[in-house]
Amino acid sequence: MDQGSIARILRQVSGGEDEIQQLQKALLDYLDENTEIDASLVFSRKFYIAQWFRDTTMETEKAIKSQKDEDSSEGTHHAKDVETTGQIMHRAESRKKFLRSIIKTAPSQFSTLKMNSDTVDYEDACLIVRYLASMRPFAQSFDIYLTQ
């Protein structure tokens, strides 16, 4: 991955969200901007929103399950684990709120909310997609699957 380009895109995209959310927003802006050129980008945009929402839900469920498993096996609460689970839950809720706001916004209204139409070009959008895909669990454990 070209970390320099990712850092450049993050600098161009203003916002107080976390890194992943900023990249998601930049990619959605790019897709929305180019839907007139290629109609299939509408479906790509909807797919990414749905997939990210599902990923966030799965991350939340996994955090809750791990919290319950630790509670039943050890019988005591560890403040650090509870804090970590709380942070995961908070981050997941903020991502879900962001994605819900994107879903509820009509495409014509979303165009007016864009940060800067020149922020992301085709190459940057491809880089963002590869970077976000590398953050998914399957991509992170791909070497393990190959080894086995």
N, C-alpha and C. Protein backbone atom coordinates (compact mmCIF):
# COMPACT_ATOMS: atom_id res chain seq x y z
N MET A 1 0.84 -1.19 0.00
CA MET A 1 0.00 0.00 0.00
C MET A 1 0.88 1.24 0.00
N ASP A 2 0.40 2.22 -0.68
CA ASP A 2 1.10 3.49 -0.77
C ASP A 2 0.62 4.38 0.38
N GLN A 3 1.30 4.27 1.53
CA GLN A 3 0.89 5.01 2.72
C GLN A 3 0.98 6.52 2.51
N GLY A 4 1.91 6.96 1.68
CA GLY A 4 2.03 8.39 1.39
C GLY A 4 0.78 8.93 0.71
N SER A 5 0.26 8.18 -0.23
CA SER A 5 -0.96 8.61 -0.92
C SER A 5 -2.16 8.58 0.02
N ILE A 6 -2.24 7.56 0.86
CA ILE A 6 -3.33 7.48 1.84
C ILE A 6 -3.26 8.68 2.78
N ALA A 7 -2.07 9.03 3.24
CA ALA A 7 -1.90 10.19 4.12
C ALA A 7 -2.28 11.47 3.39
N ARG A 8 -1.94 11.58 2.12
CA ARG A 8 -2.30 12.77 1.33
C ARG A 8 -3.82 12.89 1.21
N ILE A 9 -4.47 11.78 0.93
CA ILE A 9 -5.94 11.81 0.81
C ILE A 9 -6.56 12.20 2.14
N LEU A 10 -6.04 11.67 3.24
CA LEU A 10 -6.58 12.01 4.56
C LEU A 10 -6.39 13.49 4.88
N ARG A 11 -5.26 14.06 4.43
CA ARG A 11 -5.04 15.50 4.65
C ARG A 11 -6.03 16.32 3.83
N GLN A 12 -6.33 15.86 2.62
CA GLN A 12 -7.25 16.60 1.75
C GLN A 12 -8.69 16.49 2.23
N VAL A 13 -9.02 15.36 2.83
CA VAL A 13 -10.37 15.15 3.33
C VAL A 13 -10.42 15.68 4.75
N SER A 14 -11.16 16.73 4.94
CA SER A 14 -11.26 17.30 6.29
C SER A 14 -12.38 16.59 7.04
N GLY A 15 -12.22 16.50 8.32
CA GLY A 15 -13.27 15.89 9.12
C GLY A 15 -12.70 15.36 10.41
N GLY A 16 -13.56 15.27 11.42
CA GLY A 16 -13.14 14.80 12.73
C GLY A 16 -13.32 13.30 12.91
N GLU A 17 -13.79 12.61 11.86
CA GLU A 17 -14.03 11.19 11.97
C GLU A 17 -12.71 10.43 12.02
N ASP A 18 -12.83 9.14 12.28
CA ASP A 18 -11.63 8.32 12.26
C ASP A 18 -11.16 8.11 10.82
N GLU A 19 -9.98 7.55 10.69
CA GLU A 19 -9.33 7.39 9.39
C GLU A 19 -10.18 6.59 8.41
N ILE A 20 -10.72 5.48 8.87
CA ILE A 20 -11.53 4.61 8.02
C ILE A 20 -12.76 5.36 7.52
N GLN A 21 -13.40 6.08 8.41
CA GLN A 21 -14.61 6.82 8.04
C GLN A 21 -14.30 7.93 7.05
N GLN A 22 -13.17 8.58 7.19
CA GLN A 22 -12.78 9.63 6.23
C GLN A 22 -12.56 9.02 4.85
N LEU A 23 -11.90 7.86 4.79
CA LEU A 23 -11.67 7.20 3.50
C LEU A 23 -12.98 6.72 2.89
N GLN A 24 -13.87 6.21 3.72
CA GLN A 24 -15.17 5.78 3.22
C GLN A 24 -15.93 6.96 2.63
N LYS A 25 -15.88 8.08 3.33
CA LYS A 25 -16.58 9.28 2.86
C LYS A 25 -15.99 9.77 1.54
N ALA A 26 -14.67 9.75 1.41
CA ALA A 26 -14.03 10.18 0.18
C ALA A 26 -14.41 9.26 -0.98
N LEU A 27 -14.45 7.95 -0.73
CA LEU A 27 -14.82 6.99 -1.78
C LEU A 27 -16.28 7.18 -2.18
N LEU A 28 -17.17 7.36 -1.20
CA LEU A 28 -18.58 7.58 -1.52
C LEU A 28 -18.78 8.87 -2.30
N ASP A 29 -18.01 9.90 -1.97
CA ASP A 29 -18.07 11.15 -2.73
C ASP A 29 -17.67 10.92 -4.18
N TYR A 30 -16.58 10.17 -4.37
CA TYR A 30 -16.11 9.87 -5.72
C TYR A 30 -17.17 9.10 -6.51
N LEU A 31 -17.74 8.07 -5.88
CA LEU A 31 -18.75 7.27 -6.56
C LEU A 31 -19.99 8.09 -6.90
N ASP A 32 -20.41 8.93 -5.96
CA ASP A 32 -21.59 9.76 -6.19
C ASP A 32 -21.33 10.77 -7.32
N GLU A 33 -20.13 11.30 -7.34
CA GLU A 33 -19.78 12.30 -8.36
C GLU A 33 -19.78 11.71 -9.76
N ASN A 34 -19.42 10.45 -9.89
CA ASN A 34 -19.26 9.82 -11.20
C ASN A 34 -20.42 8.92 -11.60
N THR A 35 -21.54 8.98 -10.89
CA THR A 35 -22.68 8.13 -11.25
C THR A 35 -23.29 8.51 -12.59
N GLU A 36 -23.12 9.75 -13.00
CA GLU A 36 -23.66 10.16 -14.30
C GLU A 36 -22.85 9.55 -15.44
N ILE A 37 -21.58 9.30 -15.22
CA ILE A 37 -20.71 8.71 -16.23
C ILE A 37 -20.95 7.21 -16.34
N ASP A 38 -21.07 6.53 -15.21
CA ASP A 38 -21.23 5.08 -15.19
C ASP A 38 -22.33 4.73 -14.20
N ALA A 39 -23.45 4.24 -14.70
CA ALA A 39 -24.60 3.94 -13.86
C ALA A 39 -24.32 2.82 -12.86
N SER A 40 -23.37 1.95 -13.16
CA SER A 40 -23.07 0.85 -12.24
C SER A 40 -22.47 1.36 -10.92
N LEU A 41 -21.97 2.57 -10.91
CA LEU A 41 -21.41 3.13 -9.67
C LEU A 41 -22.48 3.34 -8.61
N VAL A 42 -23.72 3.51 -9.02
CA VAL A 42 -24.82 3.63 -8.05
C VAL A 42 -24.91 2.35 -7.24
N PHE A 43 -24.84 1.21 -7.93
CA PHE A 43 -24.90 -0.08 -7.25
C PHE A 43 -23.65 -0.32 -6.41
N SER A 44 -22.50 0.10 -6.90
CA SER A 44 -21.26 -0.04 -6.14
C SER A 44 -21.35 0.75 -4.84
N ARG A 45 -21.88 1.95 -4.94
CA ARG A 45 -22.02 2.81 -3.77
C ARG A 45 -22.93 2.16 -2.74
N LYS A 46 -24.07 1.63 -3.19
CA LYS A 46 -25.00 0.97 -2.28
C LYS A 46 -24.38 -0.29 -1.68
N PHE A 47 -23.63 -1.03 -2.49
CA PHE A 47 -22.97 -2.24 -1.99
C PHE A 47 -21.98 -1.89 -0.88
N TYR A 48 -21.14 -0.88 -1.12
CA TYR A 48 -20.15 -0.51 -0.10
C TYR A 48 -20.83 -0.06 1.19
N ILE A 49 -21.88 0.73 1.09
CA ILE A 49 -22.58 1.18 2.29
C ILE A 49 -23.12 -0.02 3.05
N ALA A 50 -23.77 -0.95 2.34
CA ALA A 50 -24.33 -2.13 2.99
C ALA A 50 -23.23 -3.00 3.60
N GLN A 51 -22.13 -3.18 2.89
CA GLN A 51 -21.04 -4.02 3.40
C GLN A 51 -20.40 -3.40 4.63
N TRP A 52 -20.17 -2.10 4.61
CA TRP A 52 -19.57 -1.43 5.76
C TRP A 52 -20.51 -1.47 6.96
N PHE A 53 -21.81 -1.35 6.72
CA PHE A 53 -22.77 -1.43 7.82
C PHE A 53 -22.75 -2.84 8.42
N ARG A 54 -22.70 -3.85 7.56
CA ARG A 54 -22.64 -5.24 8.01
C ARG A 54 -21.35 -5.48 8.79
N ASP A 55 -20.23 -4.98 8.28
CA ASP A 55 -18.96 -5.16 8.98
C ASP A 55 -18.99 -4.53 10.36
N THR A 56 -19.58 -3.37 10.46
CA THR A 56 -19.67 -2.68 11.75
C THR A 56 -20.55 -3.48 12.71
N THR A 57 -21.64 -4.02 12.20
CA THR A 57 -22.52 -4.84 13.03
C THR A 57 -21.81 -6.10 13.51
N MET A 58 -21.07 -6.74 12.60
CA MET A 58 -20.33 -7.95 12.96
C MET A 58 -19.24 -7.64 13.99
N GLU A 59 -18.57 -6.51 13.85
CA GLU A 59 -17.54 -6.11 14.80
C GLU A 59 -18.15 -5.91 16.19
N THR A 60 -19.32 -5.31 16.23
CA THR A 60 -20.01 -5.08 17.50
C THR A 60 -20.41 -6.40 18.13
N GLU A 61 -20.99 -7.29 17.33
CA GLU A 61 -21.40 -8.60 17.86
C GLU A 61 -20.21 -9.39 18.37
N LYS A 62 -19.09 -9.32 17.64
CA LYS A 62 -17.89 -10.04 18.07
C LYS A 62 -17.37 -9.48 19.40
N ALA A 63 -17.42 -8.16 19.57
CA ALA A 63 -16.97 -7.55 20.82
C ALA A 63 -17.86 -7.97 21.98
N ILE A 64 -19.16 -8.01 21.75
CA ILE A 64 -20.09 -8.42 22.80
C ILE A 64 -19.87 -9.89 23.15
N LYS A 65 -19.69 -10.73 22.14
CA LYS A 65 -19.47 -12.16 22.37
C LYS A 65 -18.18 -12.40 23.14
N SER A 66 -17.11 -11.71 22.76
CA SER A 66 -15.84 -11.89 23.47
C SER A 66 -15.95 -11.40 24.90
N GLN A 67 -16.72 -10.36 25.12
CA GLN A 67 -16.94 -9.84 26.48
C GLN A 67 -17.67 -10.90 27.32
N LYS A 68 -18.70 -11.51 26.75
CA LYS A 68 -19.46 -12.54 27.48
C LYS A 68 -18.61 -13.77 27.74
N ASP A 69 -17.81 -14.18 26.75
CA ASP A 69 -16.94 -15.34 26.92
C ASP A 69 -15.93 -15.12 28.03
N GLU A 70 -15.35 -13.93 28.08
CA GLU A 70 -14.37 -13.63 29.13
C GLU A 70 -15.03 -13.58 30.49
N ASP A 71 -16.26 -13.04 30.54
CA ASP A 71 -16.97 -12.97 31.82
C ASP A 71 -17.30 -14.36 32.34
N SER A 72 -17.74 -15.24 31.47
CA SER A 72 -18.13 -16.58 31.93
C SER A 72 -16.91 -17.44 32.28
N SER A 73 -15.81 -17.26 31.56
CA SER A 73 -14.64 -18.10 31.83
C SER A 73 -13.85 -17.62 33.03
N GLU A 74 -13.76 -16.34 33.24
CA GLU A 74 -12.94 -15.83 34.33
C GLU A 74 -13.75 -15.44 35.55
N GLY A 75 -15.00 -15.06 35.34
CA GLY A 75 -15.85 -14.72 36.47
C GLY A 75 -15.65 -13.31 37.00
N THR A 76 -14.65 -12.59 36.53
CA THR A 76 -14.44 -11.22 37.00
C THR A 76 -14.31 -10.29 35.81
N HIS A 77 -14.62 -9.04 36.06
CA HIS A 77 -14.47 -8.02 35.02
C HIS A 77 -13.08 -7.43 35.08
N HIS A 78 -12.48 -7.27 33.90
CA HIS A 78 -11.23 -6.55 33.82
C HIS A 78 -11.55 -5.18 33.25
N ALA A 79 -11.15 -4.15 33.94
CA ALA A 79 -11.48 -2.79 33.53
C ALA A 79 -10.96 -2.48 32.14
N LYS A 80 -9.79 -2.99 31.83
CA LYS A 80 -9.21 -2.72 30.51
C LYS A 80 -10.07 -3.33 29.40
N ASP A 81 -10.54 -4.58 29.60
CA ASP A 81 -11.37 -5.24 28.60
C ASP A 81 -12.70 -4.54 28.42
N VAL A 82 -13.30 -4.11 29.53
CA VAL A 82 -14.57 -3.41 29.47
C VAL A 82 -14.40 -2.09 28.72
N GLU A 83 -13.30 -1.39 29.00
CA GLU A 83 -13.04 -0.13 28.32
C GLU A 83 -12.84 -0.35 26.82
N THR A 84 -12.10 -1.39 26.47
CA THR A 84 -11.87 -1.69 25.07
C THR A 84 -13.18 -2.02 24.37
N THR A 85 -14.02 -2.82 24.98
CA THR A 85 -15.31 -3.16 24.41
C THR A 85 -16.17 -1.91 24.28
N GLY A 86 -16.12 -1.06 25.28
CA GLY A 86 -16.87 0.20 25.23
C GLY A 86 -16.39 1.09 24.09
N GLN A 87 -15.09 1.13 23.88
CA GLN A 87 -14.55 1.93 22.78
C GLN A 87 -14.98 1.36 21.44
N ILE A 88 -14.96 0.04 21.31
CA ILE A 88 -15.40 -0.61 20.07
C ILE A 88 -16.87 -0.30 19.82
N MET A 89 -17.67 -0.38 20.85
CA MET A 89 -19.11 -0.10 20.72
C MET A 89 -19.34 1.35 20.32
N HIS A 90 -18.60 2.27 20.93
CA HIS A 90 -18.75 3.69 20.61
C HIS A 90 -18.35 3.96 19.16
N ARG A 91 -17.22 3.40 18.74
CA ARG A 91 -16.76 3.59 17.36
C ARG A 91 -17.75 2.98 16.37
N ALA A 92 -18.28 1.81 16.70
CA ALA A 92 -19.24 1.16 15.82
C ALA A 92 -20.52 1.98 15.70
N GLU A 93 -20.97 2.54 16.80
CA GLU A 93 -22.18 3.36 16.75
C GLU A 93 -21.97 4.63 15.94
N SER A 94 -20.78 5.23 16.06
CA SER A 94 -20.52 6.44 15.27
C SER A 94 -20.44 6.10 13.78
N ARG A 95 -19.88 4.94 13.43
CA ARG A 95 -19.83 4.52 12.02
C ARG A 95 -21.23 4.21 11.50
N LYS A 96 -22.04 3.55 12.32
CA LYS A 96 -23.42 3.26 11.90
C LYS A 96 -24.20 4.55 11.71
N LYS A 97 -24.00 5.50 12.60
CA LYS A 97 -24.69 6.78 12.48
C LYS A 97 -24.28 7.48 11.19
N PHE A 98 -22.98 7.45 10.86
CA PHE A 98 -22.48 8.04 9.62
C PHE A 98 -23.13 7.36 8.42
N LEU A 99 -23.14 6.02 8.41
CA LEU A 99 -23.71 5.29 7.27
C LEU A 99 -25.21 5.51 7.15
N ARG A 100 -25.91 5.60 8.28
CA ARG A 100 -27.35 5.90 8.23
C ARG A 100 -27.59 7.28 7.64
N SER A 101 -26.75 8.24 7.99
CA SER A 101 -26.94 9.59 7.45
C SER A 101 -26.70 9.60 5.94
N ILE A 102 -25.77 8.78 5.47
CA ILE A 102 -25.51 8.67 4.03
C ILE A 102 -26.71 8.02 3.34
N ILE A 103 -27.27 6.97 3.95
CA ILE A 103 -28.41 6.27 3.37
C ILE A 103 -29.62 7.20 3.27
N LYS A 104 -29.86 7.97 4.32
CA LYS A 104 -31.04 8.84 4.36
C LYS A 104 -30.92 10.04 3.44
N THR A 105 -29.70 10.40 3.06
CA THR A 105 -29.50 11.57 2.22
C THR A 105 -29.77 11.21 0.77
N ALA A 106 -30.60 12.00 0.12
CA ALA A 106 -30.89 11.77 -1.30
C ALA A 106 -29.64 12.10 -2.11
N PRO A 107 -29.43 11.43 -3.25
CA PRO A 107 -28.24 11.69 -4.06
C PRO A 107 -28.06 13.16 -4.44
N SER A 108 -29.14 13.86 -4.75
CA SER A 108 -29.00 15.27 -5.11
C SER A 108 -28.56 16.10 -3.91
N GLN A 109 -29.04 15.75 -2.72
CA GLN A 109 -28.62 16.46 -1.51
C GLN A 109 -27.18 16.11 -1.16
N PHE A 110 -26.79 14.85 -1.42
CA PHE A 110 -25.44 14.42 -1.09
C PHE A 110 -24.43 15.19 -1.91
N SER A 111 -24.79 15.53 -3.12
CA SER A 111 -23.89 16.29 -3.99
C SER A 111 -23.56 17.64 -3.38
N THR A 112 -24.51 18.23 -2.68
CA THR A 112 -24.26 19.54 -2.09
C THR A 112 -23.43 19.42 -0.82
N LEU A 113 -23.37 18.23 -0.24
CA LEU A 113 -22.62 18.03 1.01
C LEU A 113 -21.17 17.65 0.77
N LYS A 114 -20.78 17.52 -0.48
CA LYS A 114 -19.42 17.07 -0.79
C LYS A 114 -18.38 18.04 -0.26
N MET A 115 -17.23 17.47 0.10
CA MET A 115 -16.16 18.30 0.63
C MET A 115 -15.50 19.07 -0.50
N ASN A 116 -14.99 18.34 -1.46
CA ASN A 116 -14.29 18.96 -2.58
C ASN A 116 -14.28 17.93 -3.70
N SER A 117 -14.83 18.28 -4.85
CA SER A 117 -14.98 17.30 -5.92
C SER A 117 -13.63 16.89 -6.51
N ASP A 118 -12.58 17.65 -6.30
CA ASP A 118 -11.28 17.32 -6.85
C ASP A 118 -10.41 16.52 -5.88
N THR A 119 -10.94 16.13 -4.75
CA THR A 119 -10.15 15.45 -3.73
C THR A 119 -9.67 14.08 -4.19
N VAL A 120 -10.55 13.29 -4.79
CA VAL A 120 -10.24 11.91 -5.13
C VAL A 120 -10.44 11.71 -6.63
N ASP A 121 -9.42 11.16 -7.29
CA ASP A 121 -9.56 10.79 -8.69
C ASP A 121 -9.65 9.27 -8.77
N TYR A 122 -9.65 8.72 -9.99
CA TYR A 122 -9.82 7.28 -10.18
C TYR A 122 -8.72 6.48 -9.48
N GLU A 123 -7.48 6.89 -9.63
CA GLU A 123 -6.37 6.15 -9.01
C GLU A 123 -6.47 6.18 -7.49
N ASP A 124 -6.84 7.35 -6.94
CA ASP A 124 -7.00 7.46 -5.49
C ASP A 124 -8.16 6.58 -5.01
N ALA A 125 -9.25 6.55 -5.79
CA ALA A 125 -10.39 5.71 -5.42
C ALA A 125 -9.99 4.24 -5.41
N CYS A 126 -9.21 3.82 -6.39
CA CYS A 126 -8.72 2.43 -6.42
C CYS A 126 -7.84 2.14 -5.20
N LEU A 127 -6.98 3.09 -4.86
CA LEU A 127 -6.11 2.93 -3.70
C LEU A 127 -6.94 2.83 -2.41
N ILE A 128 -7.96 3.66 -2.29
CA ILE A 128 -8.83 3.63 -1.10
C ILE A 128 -9.52 2.28 -1.00
N VAL A 129 -10.03 1.77 -2.13
CA VAL A 129 -10.70 0.47 -2.12
C VAL A 129 -9.74 -0.63 -1.68
N ARG A 130 -8.52 -0.62 -2.22
CA ARG A 130 -7.53 -1.64 -1.82
C ARG A 130 -7.18 -1.51 -0.34
N TYR A 131 -7.03 -0.29 0.14
CA TYR A 131 -6.68 -0.07 1.55
C TYR A 131 -7.80 -0.55 2.47
N LEU A 132 -9.05 -0.16 2.15
CA LEU A 132 -10.17 -0.58 2.98
C LEU A 132 -10.37 -2.10 2.91
N ALA A 133 -10.12 -2.70 1.75
CA ALA A 133 -10.23 -4.15 1.63
C ALA A 133 -9.16 -4.85 2.45
N SER A 134 -7.99 -4.25 2.55
CA SER A 134 -6.92 -4.86 3.34
C SER A 134 -7.22 -4.84 4.84
N MET A 135 -8.15 -4.00 5.25
CA MET A 135 -8.52 -3.91 6.66
C MET A 135 -9.56 -4.97 7.05
N ARG A 136 -10.14 -5.65 6.08
CA ARG A 136 -11.16 -6.66 6.35
C ARG A 136 -10.50 -7.91 6.94
N PRO A 137 -11.22 -8.66 7.77
CA PRO A 137 -10.64 -9.82 8.43
C PRO A 137 -10.06 -10.86 7.47
N PHE A 138 -10.74 -11.15 6.36
CA PHE A 138 -10.24 -12.16 5.44
C PHE A 138 -8.89 -11.75 4.86
N ALA A 139 -8.76 -10.49 4.48
CA ALA A 139 -7.51 -10.01 3.91
C ALA A 139 -6.38 -10.07 4.95
N GLN A 140 -6.72 -9.82 6.20
CA GLN A 140 -5.70 -9.83 7.24
C GLN A 140 -5.25 -11.25 7.58
N SER A 141 -6.11 -12.24 7.34
CA SER A 141 -5.74 -13.60 7.67
C SER A 141 -5.45 -14.43 6.42
N PHE A 142 -5.27 -13.81 5.30
CA PHE A 142 -5.05 -14.51 4.04
C PHE A 142 -3.79 -15.37 4.08
N ASP A 143 -2.73 -14.87 4.68
CA ASP A 143 -1.49 -15.65 4.79
C ASP A 143 -1.70 -16.93 5.60
N ILE A 144 -2.53 -16.85 6.62
CA ILE A 144 -2.81 -18.03 7.43
C ILE A 144 -3.54 -19.07 6.58
N TYR A 145 -4.50 -18.62 5.78
CA TYR A 145 -5.23 -19.55 4.92
C TYR A 145 -4.29 -20.20 3.89
N LEU A 146 -3.39 -19.42 3.34
CA LEU A 146 -2.45 -19.98 2.38
C LEU A 146 -1.51 -20.99 3.02
N THR A 147 -1.06 -20.68 4.23
CA THR A 147 -0.15 -21.57 4.93
C THR A 147 -0.83 -22.90 5.23
N GLN A 148 -2.08 -22.84 5.65
CA GLN A 148 -2.81 -24.07 5.98
C GLN A 148 -3.13 -24.85 4.73
